[in-house]
Protein backbone atom coordinates (compact mmCIF):
# COMPACT_ATOMS: atom_id res chain seq x y z
CA MET A 1 -2.47 -0.24 -5.03
CA ILE A 2 -0.32 0.87 -2.11
CA LYS A 3 2.96 -1.05 -1.84
CA ASN A 4 5.68 1.36 -0.73
CA ILE A 5 5.21 3.52 2.35
CA ALA A 6 7.55 6.29 3.47
CA ILE A 7 7.72 7.08 7.18
CA TYR A 8 8.75 10.56 8.25
CA GLY A 9 9.11 11.81 11.79
CA ARG A 10 11.12 13.53 14.44
CA VAL A 11 11.83 12.75 18.07
CA PHE A 12 8.94 11.79 20.35
CA ASP A 13 8.46 10.94 24.01
CA ASP A 14 9.59 7.45 25.05
CA GLY A 15 6.07 6.77 26.23
CA PHE A 16 5.13 6.24 22.57
CA ASN A 17 7.85 3.63 21.90
CA SER A 18 5.67 0.52 22.19
CA LYS A 19 2.90 1.98 20.04
CA ILE A 20 5.25 3.10 17.26
CA ASP A 21 6.99 -0.29 17.44
CA PHE A 22 3.61 -1.95 16.91
CA LEU A 23 2.72 0.34 13.98
CA ILE A 24 5.95 -0.21 12.05
CA ASN A 25 5.98 -3.96 12.54
CA ASP A 26 2.30 -4.23 11.68
CA LEU A 27 3.00 -2.42 8.40
CA PHE A 28 5.77 -4.96 7.70
CA LYS A 29 3.45 -7.86 8.50
CA LYS A 30 0.90 -6.51 6.07
CA GLY A 31 3.53 -6.71 3.32
CA PHE A 32 4.45 -3.07 2.81
CA GLN A 33 7.97 -1.99 1.86
CA LEU A 34 8.98 0.75 4.28
CA TYR A 35 11.23 3.71 3.52
CA ILE A 36 12.25 5.59 6.68
CA PHE A 37 13.71 9.09 6.84
CA GLU A 38 17.33 8.56 7.87
CA PRO A 39 17.49 10.87 10.95
CA PHE A 40 14.22 9.36 12.17
CA HIS A 41 15.57 5.85 11.56
CA ASP A 42 18.61 6.71 13.70
CA PHE A 43 16.27 7.89 16.46
CA LEU A 44 14.10 4.75 16.24
CA LYS A 45 16.88 2.18 16.04
CA PRO A 46 17.69 1.95 19.78
CA ARG A 47 14.00 2.18 20.72
CA ILE A 48 12.16 -0.31 18.53
CA SER A 49 12.86 -3.47 16.56
CA PHE A 50 12.15 -3.59 12.86
CA SER A 51 13.05 -5.63 9.80
CA GLU A 52 16.40 -5.29 8.08
CA LYS A 53 14.44 -4.94 4.85
CA VAL A 54 13.69 -1.32 5.67
CA LYS A 55 15.07 1.22 3.21
CA ILE A 56 16.48 4.61 4.15
CA PHE A 57 16.01 7.96 2.45
CA ASP A 58 17.18 11.51 2.98
CA ARG A 59 16.66 14.70 1.00
CA ASP A 60 19.29 13.70 -1.55
CA THR A 61 17.98 10.16 -2.15
CA TRP A 62 14.25 10.83 -1.86
CA ASN A 63 12.40 9.69 -4.99
CA PRO A 64 8.64 10.34 -4.89
CA LYS A 65 8.11 7.99 -7.84
CA GLU A 66 9.00 5.08 -5.54
CA ILE A 67 6.47 6.02 -2.86
CA ASP A 68 2.71 5.37 -2.79
CA PHE A 69 1.85 6.67 0.68
CA LEU A 70 3.50 8.60 3.52
CA VAL A 71 2.96 8.15 7.25
CA CYS A 72 4.05 11.15 9.29
CA ILE A 73 4.68 10.58 13.01
CA GLY A 74 4.71 13.73 15.14
CA GLY A 75 2.80 16.97 15.54
CA ASP A 76 1.62 19.55 13.05
CA GLY A 77 5.13 20.98 12.62
CA THR A 78 6.43 17.56 11.59
CA PHE A 79 3.52 17.17 9.19
CA LEU A 80 4.28 20.51 7.58
CA ASP A 81 7.94 19.49 7.19
CA SER A 82 6.89 16.31 5.40
CA THR A 83 5.09 18.31 2.71
CA THR A 84 8.47 19.58 1.47
CA PHE A 85 9.11 16.01 0.31
CA ILE A 86 5.64 15.53 -1.18
CA LYS A 87 5.34 18.86 -3.04
CA ASP A 88 3.30 18.29 -6.21
CA SER A 89 3.61 14.48 -6.26
CA HIS A 90 0.08 14.00 -4.81
CA ILE A 91 1.31 11.27 -2.44
CA PRO A 92 -1.29 10.92 0.36
CA ILE A 93 -0.09 11.81 3.88
CA LEU A 94 -1.47 10.26 7.06
CA GLY A 95 -0.47 12.10 10.21
CA ILE A 96 -0.11 10.16 13.47
CA ASN A 97 -0.23 12.72 16.25
CA THR A 98 2.40 12.46 18.99
CA GLY A 99 2.42 16.22 19.48
CA ARG A 100 -0.02 18.59 21.14
CA LEU A 101 -3.06 19.70 19.13
CA GLY A 102 -2.50 17.80 15.90
CA PHE A 103 -5.02 19.56 13.67
CA LEU A 104 -3.47 17.87 10.62
CA SER A 105 -3.36 14.34 11.99
CA GLY A 106 -5.69 11.76 10.49
CA ALA A 107 -5.34 9.18 13.24
CA SER A 108 -4.74 9.30 16.96
CA ILE A 109 -2.08 7.32 18.78
CA GLN A 110 -4.89 5.15 20.17
CA GLU A 111 -5.89 4.05 16.65
CA LEU A 112 -2.58 2.51 15.57
CA GLU A 113 -3.99 -1.03 15.64
CA THR A 114 -6.24 -0.15 12.70
CA VAL A 115 -3.82 1.94 10.60
CA ALA A 116 -2.10 -0.85 8.63
CA SER A 117 -5.35 -2.68 7.84
CA SER A 118 -6.98 0.61 6.79
CA ILE A 119 -4.12 1.25 4.35
CA VAL A 120 -4.31 -2.31 2.99
CA LYS A 121 -8.02 -1.91 2.31
CA GLU A 122 -7.60 1.77 1.36
CA ASP A 123 -10.35 2.32 3.88
CA PHE A 124 -9.71 5.99 4.47
CA GLU A 125 -10.76 9.36 3.12
CA LEU A 126 -8.67 11.81 1.11
CA TYR A 127 -9.04 15.55 1.56
CA LYS A 128 -7.47 17.90 -0.95
CA ARG A 129 -5.93 20.88 0.84
CA ALA A 130 -5.00 23.99 -1.11
CA THR A 131 -1.47 25.40 -0.93
CA LEU A 132 -0.15 28.89 -1.63
CA LYS A 133 3.01 29.85 -3.43
CA VAL A 134 5.28 32.86 -3.07
CA ASP A 135 7.23 34.46 -5.90
CA SER A 136 9.83 37.18 -5.42
CA ASN A 137 12.14 39.34 -7.46
CA ILE A 138 15.05 37.45 -5.80
CA PRO A 139 14.65 33.64 -5.39
CA ILE A 140 14.10 32.45 -1.81
CA PHE A 141 13.50 29.11 -0.05
CA ASN A 142 15.52 27.10 -2.60
CA GLY A 143 12.51 26.11 -4.64
CA ASN A 144 10.32 25.14 -1.65
CA ASN A 145 8.33 28.31 -2.17
CA PHE A 146 4.96 26.92 -1.12
CA ALA A 147 2.99 26.54 2.09
CA LEU A 148 0.10 24.41 3.29
CA ASN A 149 -0.68 26.63 6.30
CA GLU A 150 0.57 30.15 5.79
CA LEU A 151 3.12 32.71 4.73
CA THR A 152 4.15 35.03 7.55
CA ILE A 153 6.13 38.25 7.45
CA HIS A 154 7.61 39.27 10.77
CA LYS A 155 10.06 41.88 11.97
CA SER A 156 13.53 40.37 12.26
CA ASP A 157 14.50 41.56 15.74
CA ASN A 158 13.24 43.51 18.73
CA SER A 159 13.22 46.76 16.79
CA SER A 160 10.15 48.81 16.01
CA MET A 161 7.26 47.50 13.95
CA VAL A 162 7.33 47.11 10.18
CA LYS A 163 5.06 48.70 7.59
CA ILE A 164 3.70 46.22 5.07
CA HIS A 165 2.12 47.68 1.92
CA THR A 166 -0.46 45.22 0.63
CA PHE A 167 -1.98 45.08 -2.87
CA LEU A 168 -4.70 42.81 -4.33
CA ASP A 169 -4.45 42.28 -8.08
CA GLY A 170 -2.39 45.45 -8.23
CA ASN A 171 -4.92 47.52 -6.28
CA PHE A 172 -3.83 49.01 -2.97
CA LEU A 173 -5.51 47.38 0.05
CA ASN A 174 -3.73 48.75 3.12
CA SER A 175 -0.41 49.52 4.80
CA TYR A 176 -0.18 47.45 7.97
CA TRP A 177 1.84 48.98 10.81
CA SER A 178 2.42 45.87 12.90
CA ASP A 179 4.84 43.21 14.09
CA GLY A 180 3.96 41.19 11.01
CA LEU A 181 1.34 39.86 8.61
CA ILE A 182 -0.06 36.38 7.96
CA ILE A 183 -1.45 35.15 4.64
CA SER A 184 -3.28 31.95 5.53
CA THR A 185 -4.93 29.15 3.60
CA PRO A 186 -8.11 27.58 5.01
CA THR A 187 -5.96 24.80 6.46
CA GLY A 188 -3.77 27.37 8.20
CA SER A 189 -6.74 29.29 9.56
CA THR A 190 -6.60 27.15 12.72
CA ALA A 191 -2.89 27.84 13.21
CA TYR A 192 -1.01 31.14 13.71
CA SER A 193 -3.80 33.19 12.14
CA LEU A 194 -6.30 31.87 14.71
CA SER A 195 -4.03 32.86 17.60
CA CYS A 196 -3.91 36.41 16.16
CA GLY A 197 -7.68 36.71 16.01
CA GLY A 198 -8.30 35.34 12.53
CA PRO A 199 -11.45 33.38 11.61
CA ILE A 200 -11.72 29.63 11.08
CA ILE A 201 -12.17 28.95 7.36
CA PHE A 202 -13.44 25.58 6.19
CA PRO A 203 -11.20 23.69 3.74
CA GLY A 204 -12.49 24.03 0.20
CA SER A 205 -13.78 27.55 0.83
CA ASN A 206 -11.44 28.96 -1.84
CA ASN A 207 -10.25 31.78 0.38
CA PHE A 208 -7.15 33.33 1.88
CA VAL A 209 -7.10 35.19 5.19
CA ILE A 210 -4.93 38.27 5.70
CA THR A 211 -4.29 38.63 9.44
CA PRO A 212 -2.09 41.34 10.99
CA VAL A 213 0.19 40.42 13.91
CA ALA A 214 -0.12 42.94 16.76
CA PRO A 215 -1.28 45.84 14.55
CA HIS A 216 -0.72 49.37 15.82
CA ASN A 217 -3.93 50.50 14.10
CA LEU A 218 -6.55 49.04 16.42
CA ASN A 219 -9.23 49.06 13.73
CA MET A 220 -7.21 46.68 11.54
CA ARG A 221 -9.01 43.34 11.39
CA PRO A 222 -8.43 40.08 9.51
CA VAL A 223 -9.72 40.13 5.94
CA VAL A 224 -11.06 37.11 4.04
CA ILE A 225 -10.44 37.30 0.29
CA PRO A 226 -10.99 34.96 -2.69
CA ASP A 227 -7.94 32.78 -3.36
CA ASP A 228 -7.90 33.77 -7.03
CA LYS A 229 -6.52 37.15 -5.97
CA GLU A 230 -2.82 37.88 -6.33
CA ILE A 231 -1.37 39.47 -3.19
CA LYS A 232 1.71 41.65 -3.42
CA LEU A 233 3.64 42.73 -0.31
CA LYS A 234 6.26 45.45 0.08
CA VAL A 235 7.93 45.89 3.46
CA GLU A 236 9.40 49.00 5.08
CA GLY A 237 11.07 49.35 8.45
CA ARG A 238 14.04 50.66 10.36
CA SER A 239 15.82 47.34 9.95
CA LYS A 240 17.27 46.34 6.59
CA TYR A 241 15.91 42.81 7.00
CA TYR A 242 12.70 41.07 7.88
CA MET A 243 11.69 37.43 8.38
CA VAL A 244 9.59 35.42 5.96
CA ALA A 245 8.18 32.06 7.03
CA LEU A 246 6.47 29.39 4.96
CA ASP A 247 4.84 27.04 7.44
CA SER A 248 7.71 25.96 9.72
CA ARG A 249 10.51 27.19 7.43
CA SER A 250 11.84 30.71 7.85
CA GLN A 251 14.39 32.92 6.13
CA LYS A 252 15.75 36.41 6.73
CA VAL A 253 15.37 38.51 3.61
CA ASP A 254 16.40 41.97 2.47
CA SER A 255 13.74 44.69 2.63
CA THR A 256 14.17 45.34 -1.09
CA ILE A 257 12.55 41.97 -1.88
CA GLU A 258 8.93 42.13 -2.97
CA LEU A 259 6.68 39.12 -2.44
CA THR A 260 3.77 37.94 -4.58
CA ILE A 261 1.43 35.33 -3.08
CA SER A 262 -1.09 33.33 -5.07
CA LYS A 263 -2.91 30.02 -4.99
CA ASN A 264 -0.66 27.16 -6.00
CA SER A 265 -1.38 24.76 -8.83
CA PHE A 266 -1.25 21.65 -6.60
CA TYR A 267 -2.99 20.30 -3.51
CA ILE A 268 -1.76 18.25 -0.59
CA ASN A 269 -3.71 15.00 -0.14
CA LEU A 270 -4.45 14.71 3.57
CA VAL A 271 -5.60 11.30 4.81
CA ARG A 272 -8.11 10.72 7.59
CA LEU A 273 -9.24 7.33 8.85
CA LYS A 274 -12.96 6.65 8.68
CA GLY A 275 -14.80 8.28 11.53
CA HIS A 276 -12.72 11.45 11.44
CA SER A 277 -14.01 14.67 9.94
CA TYR A 278 -13.10 18.34 9.94
CA LEU A 279 -16.01 19.07 12.28
CA SER A 280 -15.01 16.39 14.76
CA THR A 281 -11.41 17.59 14.65
CA ILE A 282 -12.43 21.19 15.37
CA ARG A 283 -14.66 20.14 18.26
CA SER A 284 -11.98 17.90 19.73
CA LYS A 285 -8.98 20.21 19.37
CA LEU A 286 -10.75 23.40 20.45
CA ASN A 287 -12.82 21.72 23.18
CA TRP A 288 -16.07 22.91 21.67
CA GLY A 289 -19.21 21.53 23.28
CA LEU A 290 -17.60 20.89 26.67
CA ASP A 291 -20.52 22.38 28.51
CA LYS A 292 -22.53 20.38 31.02
CA ARG A 293 -25.70 21.71 29.36
CA ASN A 294 -24.74 19.90 26.14
CA ASN A 295 -25.71 16.30 25.86
CA ILE A 296 -23.76 15.50 22.67
């Protein structure tokens, strides 16, 4: 039974104030205890009215054992940030899109009147989304070494391209001369990988996609591989450093660091209200079917 709901978010346009005010107060009226991320609470306080019974959390006070459900208000970047709180706790996340595309959102801003009642009745669908993890010979990302969307290697400045030696289960695959390389989950296949020419992979396909960023070898194409493969990356370049990103988090690392990417042991539980599906999301976000010859 869902009793305690965490709310995570970042700044949004003032045009959403009345709708977010309604959502939060409707959750209170339905009897939920709300825990609000402290910086988001500070942003909301002058914009909406809510009960003094609200509790505040930050990264130091966050306790996943107290939380049954998380509502994330924002775009896909905000949603990805929220997963660093969830990690392997299996807490379901419902994204309310106030951003642009919102591939990860499970409800639109127009559906806020039904969100609280759907949570009360648990009238929603859960989708398990695979995550990847990265291991290295020198620890990076302070323990948050996982990603829902992708791991990206990118050159650290405006210098020449990098060379990324890539191995699958210890067997040499290729050396990519490029601006970078993306290792994407199926969830992340509609993100950065897609913009670099990668394919759309359905969730649950048990695959990774290796997509080069601006490759100098024009015959280099994205490669779809089984997600039980271990991917090892070694980077060379004129610069001593390169950038590594896990979803929306990035870190400059020394070129001596080797990275090993594999499927993680835990999933992220993504919530969608009834009536939403992956197919409808793809059609909506990518404007598929908008042809006057279609009558769908």
